[in-house]
């Protein structure tokens, strides 16, 4: 039986993205690009890792922070990919493909964060209404 987070579309897309970034980094030359490749790989794997962590957190604030961290890791991949492309470590087309996938994952995470904020606002309003009714 899979863990509940494994059913999330955003998690599945993040895992595929991490795999694709790893493959892109495998094509970097060994000399002079280890640090950048390692950085990109770590960032990419941390995205689904944060999503998995978020699914295990109960307090809304902690869960939101983990989803926000996943989105932050996705955004942090952008400049690393740009540096890789500028250094000639990957083709511009490959960079654009990966950026499109990062954007999709980032938007999904942003939507989740907005939904969580909306839920929190509704709960606050319900609490205030209940207090006012007393």
N, C-alpha and C. Protein backbone atom coordinates (compact mmCIF):
# COMPACT_ATOMS: atom_id res chain seq x y z
N UNK A 1 0.85 -1.18 0.00
CA UNK A 1 0.00 0.00 0.00
C UNK A 1 0.89 1.24 0.00
N UNK A 2 0.65 2.15 -0.91
CA UNK A 2 1.50 3.33 -0.98
C UNK A 2 1.21 4.30 0.17
N UNK A 3 2.19 5.15 0.46
CA UNK A 3 1.97 6.21 1.41
C UNK A 3 0.98 7.20 0.79
N UNK A 4 0.18 7.86 1.60
CA UNK A 4 -0.83 8.78 1.04
C UNK A 4 -0.25 9.87 0.13
N UNK A 5 0.91 10.38 0.45
CA UNK A 5 1.48 11.45 -0.37
C UNK A 5 1.86 10.96 -1.76
N UNK A 6 2.09 9.66 -1.92
CA UNK A 6 2.46 9.13 -3.23
C UNK A 6 1.32 9.24 -4.23
N UNK A 7 0.11 9.45 -3.74
CA UNK A 7 -1.05 9.60 -4.62
C UNK A 7 -1.21 11.04 -5.13
N UNK A 8 -0.51 11.98 -4.51
CA UNK A 8 -0.63 13.38 -4.91
C UNK A 8 0.03 13.61 -6.27
N UNK A 9 -0.70 14.27 -7.16
CA UNK A 9 -0.14 14.58 -8.49
C UNK A 9 1.13 15.41 -8.37
N UNK A 10 1.14 16.36 -7.46
CA UNK A 10 2.31 17.23 -7.31
C UNK A 10 3.53 16.42 -6.87
N UNK A 11 3.33 15.43 -6.02
CA UNK A 11 4.43 14.57 -5.59
C UNK A 11 4.96 13.76 -6.78
N UNK A 12 4.05 13.16 -7.52
CA UNK A 12 4.45 12.34 -8.67
C UNK A 12 5.20 13.18 -9.70
N UNK A 13 4.72 14.39 -9.98
CA UNK A 13 5.41 15.27 -10.93
C UNK A 13 6.78 15.70 -10.39
N UNK A 14 6.86 15.92 -9.09
CA UNK A 14 8.13 16.33 -8.48
C UNK A 14 9.16 15.20 -8.55
N UNK A 15 8.73 13.97 -8.39
CA UNK A 15 9.65 12.84 -8.49
C UNK A 15 10.17 12.70 -9.92
N UNK A 16 9.27 12.81 -10.89
CA UNK A 16 9.69 12.75 -12.30
C UNK A 16 10.67 13.88 -12.61
N UNK A 17 10.37 15.07 -12.12
CA UNK A 17 11.25 16.22 -12.32
C UNK A 17 12.62 15.97 -11.71
N UNK A 18 12.66 15.45 -10.49
CA UNK A 18 13.94 15.16 -9.84
C UNK A 18 14.74 14.15 -10.66
N UNK A 19 14.07 13.16 -11.18
CA UNK A 19 14.72 12.15 -12.01
C UNK A 19 15.29 12.79 -13.29
N UNK A 20 14.53 13.68 -13.90
CA UNK A 20 14.98 14.34 -15.14
C UNK A 20 16.16 15.29 -14.87
N UNK A 21 16.12 15.96 -13.74
CA UNK A 21 17.24 16.84 -13.38
C UNK A 21 18.49 16.00 -13.11
N UNK A 22 18.32 14.88 -12.42
CA UNK A 22 19.46 13.97 -12.19
C UNK A 22 20.06 13.52 -13.52
N UNK A 23 19.21 13.14 -14.45
CA UNK A 23 19.70 12.70 -15.76
C UNK A 23 20.44 13.82 -16.48
N UNK A 24 19.91 15.02 -16.40
CA UNK A 24 20.58 16.16 -17.04
C UNK A 24 21.95 16.40 -16.42
N UNK A 25 22.03 16.25 -15.10
CA UNK A 25 23.31 16.45 -14.40
C UNK A 25 24.31 15.34 -14.73
N UNK A 26 23.82 14.15 -15.03
CA UNK A 26 24.71 13.05 -15.40
C UNK A 26 25.49 13.38 -16.67
N UNK A 27 24.93 14.25 -17.50
CA UNK A 27 25.59 14.62 -18.75
C UNK A 27 26.64 15.71 -18.56
N UNK A 28 26.72 16.32 -17.36
CA UNK A 28 27.73 17.35 -17.11
C UNK A 28 29.11 16.69 -17.12
N UNK A 29 30.13 17.39 -17.59
CA UNK A 29 31.48 16.84 -17.50
C UNK A 29 31.89 16.70 -16.04
N UNK A 30 32.67 15.67 -15.76
CA UNK A 30 33.07 15.41 -14.37
C UNK A 30 33.93 16.53 -13.80
N UNK A 31 34.78 17.08 -14.62
CA UNK A 31 35.71 18.10 -14.12
C UNK A 31 35.06 19.48 -14.13
N UNK A 32 35.06 20.13 -12.98
CA UNK A 32 34.62 21.51 -12.88
C UNK A 32 33.13 21.73 -12.71
N UNK A 33 32.34 20.68 -12.69
CA UNK A 33 30.89 20.90 -12.56
C UNK A 33 30.27 20.06 -11.45
N UNK A 34 31.11 19.42 -10.64
CA UNK A 34 30.57 18.56 -9.59
C UNK A 34 29.69 19.33 -8.62
N UNK A 35 30.15 20.49 -8.15
CA UNK A 35 29.40 21.25 -7.14
C UNK A 35 28.03 21.67 -7.66
N UNK A 36 27.99 22.16 -8.89
CA UNK A 36 26.72 22.60 -9.46
C UNK A 36 25.78 21.41 -9.66
N UNK A 37 26.30 20.31 -10.17
CA UNK A 37 25.47 19.11 -10.38
C UNK A 37 24.95 18.60 -9.04
N UNK A 38 25.80 18.56 -8.04
CA UNK A 38 25.39 18.09 -6.72
C UNK A 38 24.31 19.01 -6.14
N UNK A 39 24.50 20.32 -6.30
CA UNK A 39 23.53 21.29 -5.79
C UNK A 39 22.17 21.10 -6.47
N UNK A 40 22.17 20.98 -7.78
CA UNK A 40 20.93 20.78 -8.52
C UNK A 40 20.24 19.48 -8.12
N UNK A 41 21.02 18.43 -8.00
CA UNK A 41 20.43 17.13 -7.61
C UNK A 41 19.78 17.22 -6.24
N UNK A 42 20.47 17.85 -5.30
CA UNK A 42 19.93 17.96 -3.93
C UNK A 42 18.66 18.80 -3.91
N UNK A 43 18.69 19.92 -4.63
CA UNK A 43 17.49 20.75 -4.70
C UNK A 43 16.31 19.96 -5.27
N UNK A 44 16.57 19.26 -6.37
CA UNK A 44 15.51 18.53 -7.06
C UNK A 44 14.91 17.44 -6.18
N UNK A 45 15.74 16.70 -5.47
CA UNK A 45 15.23 15.62 -4.62
C UNK A 45 14.52 16.16 -3.39
N UNK A 46 14.91 17.35 -2.95
CA UNK A 46 14.27 17.92 -1.76
C UNK A 46 12.83 18.35 -2.03
N UNK A 47 12.47 18.60 -3.29
CA UNK A 47 11.09 19.02 -3.59
C UNK A 47 10.10 17.91 -3.20
N UNK A 48 10.22 16.69 -3.75
CA UNK A 48 9.28 15.65 -3.32
C UNK A 48 9.49 15.26 -1.85
N UNK A 49 10.71 15.43 -1.36
CA UNK A 49 10.96 15.14 0.06
C UNK A 49 10.17 16.04 0.98
N UNK A 50 10.13 17.33 0.66
CA UNK A 50 9.34 18.27 1.46
C UNK A 50 7.85 17.99 1.34
N UNK A 51 7.41 17.58 0.15
CA UNK A 51 5.99 17.24 -0.03
C UNK A 51 5.64 16.04 0.84
N UNK A 52 6.52 15.04 0.86
CA UNK A 52 6.29 13.86 1.70
C UNK A 52 6.27 14.25 3.17
N UNK A 53 7.20 15.10 3.57
CA UNK A 53 7.24 15.56 4.95
C UNK A 53 5.96 16.30 5.32
N UNK A 54 5.50 17.15 4.43
CA UNK A 54 4.28 17.93 4.70
C UNK A 54 3.09 17.03 4.96
N UNK A 55 3.03 15.91 4.26
CA UNK A 55 1.87 15.04 4.42
C UNK A 55 1.83 14.40 5.81
N UNK A 56 2.96 14.37 6.50
CA UNK A 56 3.02 13.75 7.82
C UNK A 56 2.79 14.75 8.95
N UNK A 57 2.76 16.03 8.62
CA UNK A 57 2.63 17.05 9.66
C UNK A 57 1.17 17.38 9.91
N UNK A 58 0.80 17.44 11.18
CA UNK A 58 -0.59 17.70 11.50
C UNK A 58 -0.89 19.18 11.67
N UNK A 59 -0.17 19.91 12.50
CA UNK A 59 -0.54 21.32 12.64
C UNK A 59 -0.46 22.02 11.29
N UNK A 60 -1.52 22.76 10.96
CA UNK A 60 -1.63 23.43 9.67
C UNK A 60 -0.41 24.29 9.36
N UNK A 61 0.08 25.02 10.35
CA UNK A 61 1.22 25.90 10.13
C UNK A 61 2.47 25.15 9.71
N UNK A 62 2.74 24.03 10.36
CA UNK A 62 3.92 23.23 10.02
C UNK A 62 3.77 22.61 8.64
N UNK A 63 2.58 22.16 8.36
CA UNK A 63 2.32 21.54 7.05
C UNK A 63 2.50 22.58 5.94
N UNK A 64 1.97 23.77 6.17
CA UNK A 64 2.10 24.86 5.20
C UNK A 64 3.57 25.21 4.99
N UNK A 65 4.34 25.27 6.06
CA UNK A 65 5.77 25.58 5.95
C UNK A 65 6.51 24.56 5.10
N UNK A 66 6.16 23.29 5.24
CA UNK A 66 6.82 22.24 4.45
C UNK A 66 6.45 22.37 2.97
N UNK A 67 5.18 22.66 2.67
CA UNK A 67 4.80 22.87 1.27
C UNK A 67 5.48 24.12 0.71
N UNK A 68 5.59 25.16 1.54
CA UNK A 68 6.28 26.38 1.11
C UNK A 68 7.76 26.10 0.88
N UNK A 69 8.36 25.25 1.70
CA UNK A 69 9.76 24.88 1.51
C UNK A 69 9.94 24.12 0.20
N UNK A 70 9.00 23.24 -0.13
CA UNK A 70 9.07 22.51 -1.40
C UNK A 70 9.02 23.50 -2.56
N UNK A 71 8.14 24.49 -2.47
CA UNK A 71 8.05 25.50 -3.52
C UNK A 71 9.34 26.31 -3.59
N UNK A 72 9.90 26.63 -2.45
CA UNK A 72 11.17 27.36 -2.42
C UNK A 72 12.30 26.58 -3.07
N UNK A 73 12.33 25.29 -2.86
CA UNK A 73 13.36 24.45 -3.48
C UNK A 73 13.18 24.43 -4.99
N UNK A 74 11.92 24.37 -5.44
CA UNK A 74 11.66 24.40 -6.88
C UNK A 74 12.16 25.71 -7.48
N UNK A 75 11.87 26.82 -6.81
CA UNK A 75 12.32 28.12 -7.30
C UNK A 75 13.85 28.24 -7.28
N UNK A 76 14.48 27.63 -6.29
CA UNK A 76 15.94 27.68 -6.18
C UNK A 76 16.62 26.91 -7.32
N UNK A 77 15.92 25.99 -7.94
CA UNK A 77 16.48 25.27 -9.09
C UNK A 77 16.65 26.19 -10.30
N UNK A 78 15.83 27.23 -10.39
CA UNK A 78 15.84 28.11 -11.56
C UNK A 78 17.21 28.73 -11.80
N UNK A 79 17.81 29.42 -10.82
CA UNK A 79 19.12 30.02 -11.09
C UNK A 79 20.21 28.96 -11.32
N UNK A 80 20.09 27.82 -10.66
CA UNK A 80 21.09 26.76 -10.86
C UNK A 80 21.03 26.25 -12.30
N UNK A 81 19.82 26.09 -12.84
CA UNK A 81 19.69 25.68 -14.24
C UNK A 81 20.22 26.76 -15.18
N UNK A 82 19.98 28.00 -14.84
CA UNK A 82 20.47 29.11 -15.66
C UNK A 82 22.00 29.11 -15.71
N UNK A 83 22.63 28.92 -14.56
CA UNK A 83 24.09 28.87 -14.52
C UNK A 83 24.60 27.69 -15.34
N UNK A 84 23.95 26.55 -15.21
CA UNK A 84 24.36 25.37 -15.97
C UNK A 84 24.28 25.64 -17.47
N UNK A 85 23.21 26.28 -17.90
CA UNK A 85 23.05 26.59 -19.33
C UNK A 85 24.09 27.60 -19.78
N UNK A 86 24.32 28.62 -18.98
CA UNK A 86 25.31 29.65 -19.36
C UNK A 86 26.73 29.10 -19.42
N UNK A 87 26.99 28.09 -18.63
CA UNK A 87 28.32 27.47 -18.65
C UNK A 87 28.43 26.40 -19.73
N UNK A 88 27.37 26.22 -20.48
CA UNK A 88 27.40 25.25 -21.57
C UNK A 88 27.25 23.81 -21.11
N UNK A 89 26.72 23.61 -19.91
CA UNK A 89 26.58 22.26 -19.37
C UNK A 89 25.29 21.58 -19.83
N UNK A 90 24.36 22.37 -20.35
CA UNK A 90 23.13 21.81 -20.90
C UNK A 90 22.64 22.71 -22.01
N UNK A 91 21.94 22.11 -22.93
CA UNK A 91 21.38 22.85 -24.05
C UNK A 91 20.24 23.74 -23.56
N UNK A 92 20.04 24.85 -24.25
CA UNK A 92 18.97 25.78 -23.89
C UNK A 92 17.61 25.09 -23.91
N UNK A 93 17.41 24.18 -24.86
CA UNK A 93 16.14 23.47 -24.96
C UNK A 93 15.88 22.61 -23.72
N UNK A 94 16.92 21.96 -23.23
CA UNK A 94 16.79 21.12 -22.03
C UNK A 94 16.47 22.00 -20.83
N UNK A 95 17.15 23.14 -20.73
CA UNK A 95 16.88 24.07 -19.63
C UNK A 95 15.42 24.51 -19.68
N UNK A 96 14.92 24.87 -20.84
CA UNK A 96 13.54 25.33 -20.98
C UNK A 96 12.54 24.23 -20.61
N UNK A 97 12.83 22.99 -20.99
CA UNK A 97 11.96 21.87 -20.63
C UNK A 97 11.88 21.71 -19.11
N UNK A 98 13.05 21.76 -18.48
CA UNK A 98 13.09 21.60 -17.02
C UNK A 98 12.43 22.78 -16.32
N UNK A 99 12.64 23.99 -16.86
CA UNK A 99 11.99 25.16 -16.27
C UNK A 99 10.47 25.06 -16.37
N UNK A 100 9.97 24.54 -17.48
CA UNK A 100 8.52 24.38 -17.64
C UNK A 100 7.98 23.39 -16.60
N UNK A 101 8.71 22.32 -16.35
CA UNK A 101 8.29 21.36 -15.35
C UNK A 101 8.36 21.96 -13.94
N UNK A 102 9.42 22.73 -13.69
CA UNK A 102 9.53 23.41 -12.40
C UNK A 102 8.38 24.38 -12.19
N UNK A 103 8.03 25.10 -13.26
CA UNK A 103 6.93 26.05 -13.16
C UNK A 103 5.62 25.32 -12.84
N UNK A 104 5.39 24.20 -13.48
CA UNK A 104 4.16 23.44 -13.23
C UNK A 104 4.09 22.97 -11.78
N UNK A 105 5.19 22.42 -11.27
CA UNK A 105 5.22 21.96 -9.88
C UNK A 105 5.05 23.14 -8.93
N UNK A 106 5.74 24.24 -9.22
CA UNK A 106 5.64 25.43 -8.38
C UNK A 106 4.21 25.97 -8.34
N UNK A 107 3.54 25.98 -9.49
CA UNK A 107 2.16 26.45 -9.52
C UNK A 107 1.23 25.52 -8.74
N UNK A 108 1.47 24.23 -8.84
CA UNK A 108 0.65 23.28 -8.08
C UNK A 108 0.83 23.51 -6.58
N UNK A 109 2.08 23.69 -6.17
CA UNK A 109 2.35 23.94 -4.75
C UNK A 109 1.76 25.28 -4.32
N UNK A 110 1.86 26.28 -5.17
CA UNK A 110 1.26 27.58 -4.87
C UNK A 110 -0.24 27.46 -4.69
N UNK A 111 -0.88 26.67 -5.54
CA UNK A 111 -2.31 26.44 -5.41
C UNK A 111 -2.66 25.75 -4.10
N UNK A 112 -1.83 24.80 -3.70
CA UNK A 112 -2.06 24.12 -2.43
C UNK A 112 -1.94 25.11 -1.28
N UNK A 113 -0.95 25.98 -1.35
CA UNK A 113 -0.75 26.96 -0.29
C UNK A 113 -1.93 27.94 -0.23
N UNK A 114 -2.40 28.38 -1.38
CA UNK A 114 -3.56 29.28 -1.41
C UNK A 114 -4.79 28.60 -0.83
N UNK A 115 -4.97 27.33 -1.18
CA UNK A 115 -6.11 26.58 -0.66
C UNK A 115 -6.01 26.45 0.86
N UNK A 116 -4.82 26.20 1.36
CA UNK A 116 -4.63 26.10 2.80
C UNK A 116 -4.91 27.44 3.47
N UNK A 117 -4.48 28.53 2.85
CA UNK A 117 -4.75 29.86 3.40
C UNK A 117 -6.24 30.15 3.40
N UNK A 118 -6.91 29.76 2.32
CA UNK A 118 -8.36 29.95 2.24
C UNK A 118 -9.10 29.16 3.30
N UNK A 119 -8.65 27.92 3.53
CA UNK A 119 -9.26 27.09 4.58
C UNK A 119 -9.06 27.72 5.95
N UNK A 120 -7.86 28.24 6.19
CA UNK A 120 -7.56 28.87 7.47
C UNK A 120 -8.41 30.12 7.66
N UNK A 121 -8.58 30.91 6.60
CA UNK A 121 -9.40 32.12 6.69
C UNK A 121 -10.86 31.77 6.98
N UNK A 122 -11.37 30.71 6.32
CA UNK A 122 -12.75 30.28 6.56
C UNK A 122 -12.93 29.81 8.00
N UNK A 123 -11.93 29.08 8.52
CA UNK A 123 -12.02 28.61 9.89
C UNK A 123 -12.01 29.78 10.87
N UNK A 124 -11.16 30.77 10.60
CA UNK A 124 -11.12 31.96 11.46
C UNK A 124 -12.45 32.68 11.44
N UNK A 125 -13.04 32.82 10.25
CA UNK A 125 -14.33 33.49 10.12
C UNK A 125 -15.40 32.72 10.87
N UNK A 126 -15.38 31.39 10.75
CA UNK A 126 -16.36 30.56 11.46
C UNK A 126 -16.21 30.72 12.97
N UNK A 127 -14.98 30.79 13.47
CA UNK A 127 -14.74 30.98 14.90
C UNK A 127 -15.26 32.34 15.36
N UNK A 128 -14.99 33.36 14.54
CA UNK A 128 -15.45 34.71 14.91
C UNK A 128 -16.97 34.76 14.89
N UNK A 129 -17.60 34.11 13.91
CA UNK A 129 -19.06 34.07 13.86
C UNK A 129 -19.63 33.35 15.07
N UNK A 130 -18.98 32.28 15.47
CA UNK A 130 -19.45 31.51 16.63
C UNK A 130 -19.32 32.35 17.91
N UNK A 131 -18.24 33.11 18.04
CA UNK A 131 -18.07 33.97 19.21
C UNK A 131 -19.11 35.08 19.22
N UNK A 132 -19.38 35.64 18.06
CA UNK A 132 -20.34 36.73 17.96
C UNK A 132 -21.76 36.24 18.28
N UNK A 133 -22.05 34.99 17.98
CA UNK A 133 -23.37 34.42 18.20
C UNK A 133 -23.62 34.16 19.68
N UNK A 134 -22.57 34.08 20.48
CA UNK A 134 -22.74 33.79 21.93
C UNK A 134 -23.31 34.94 22.66
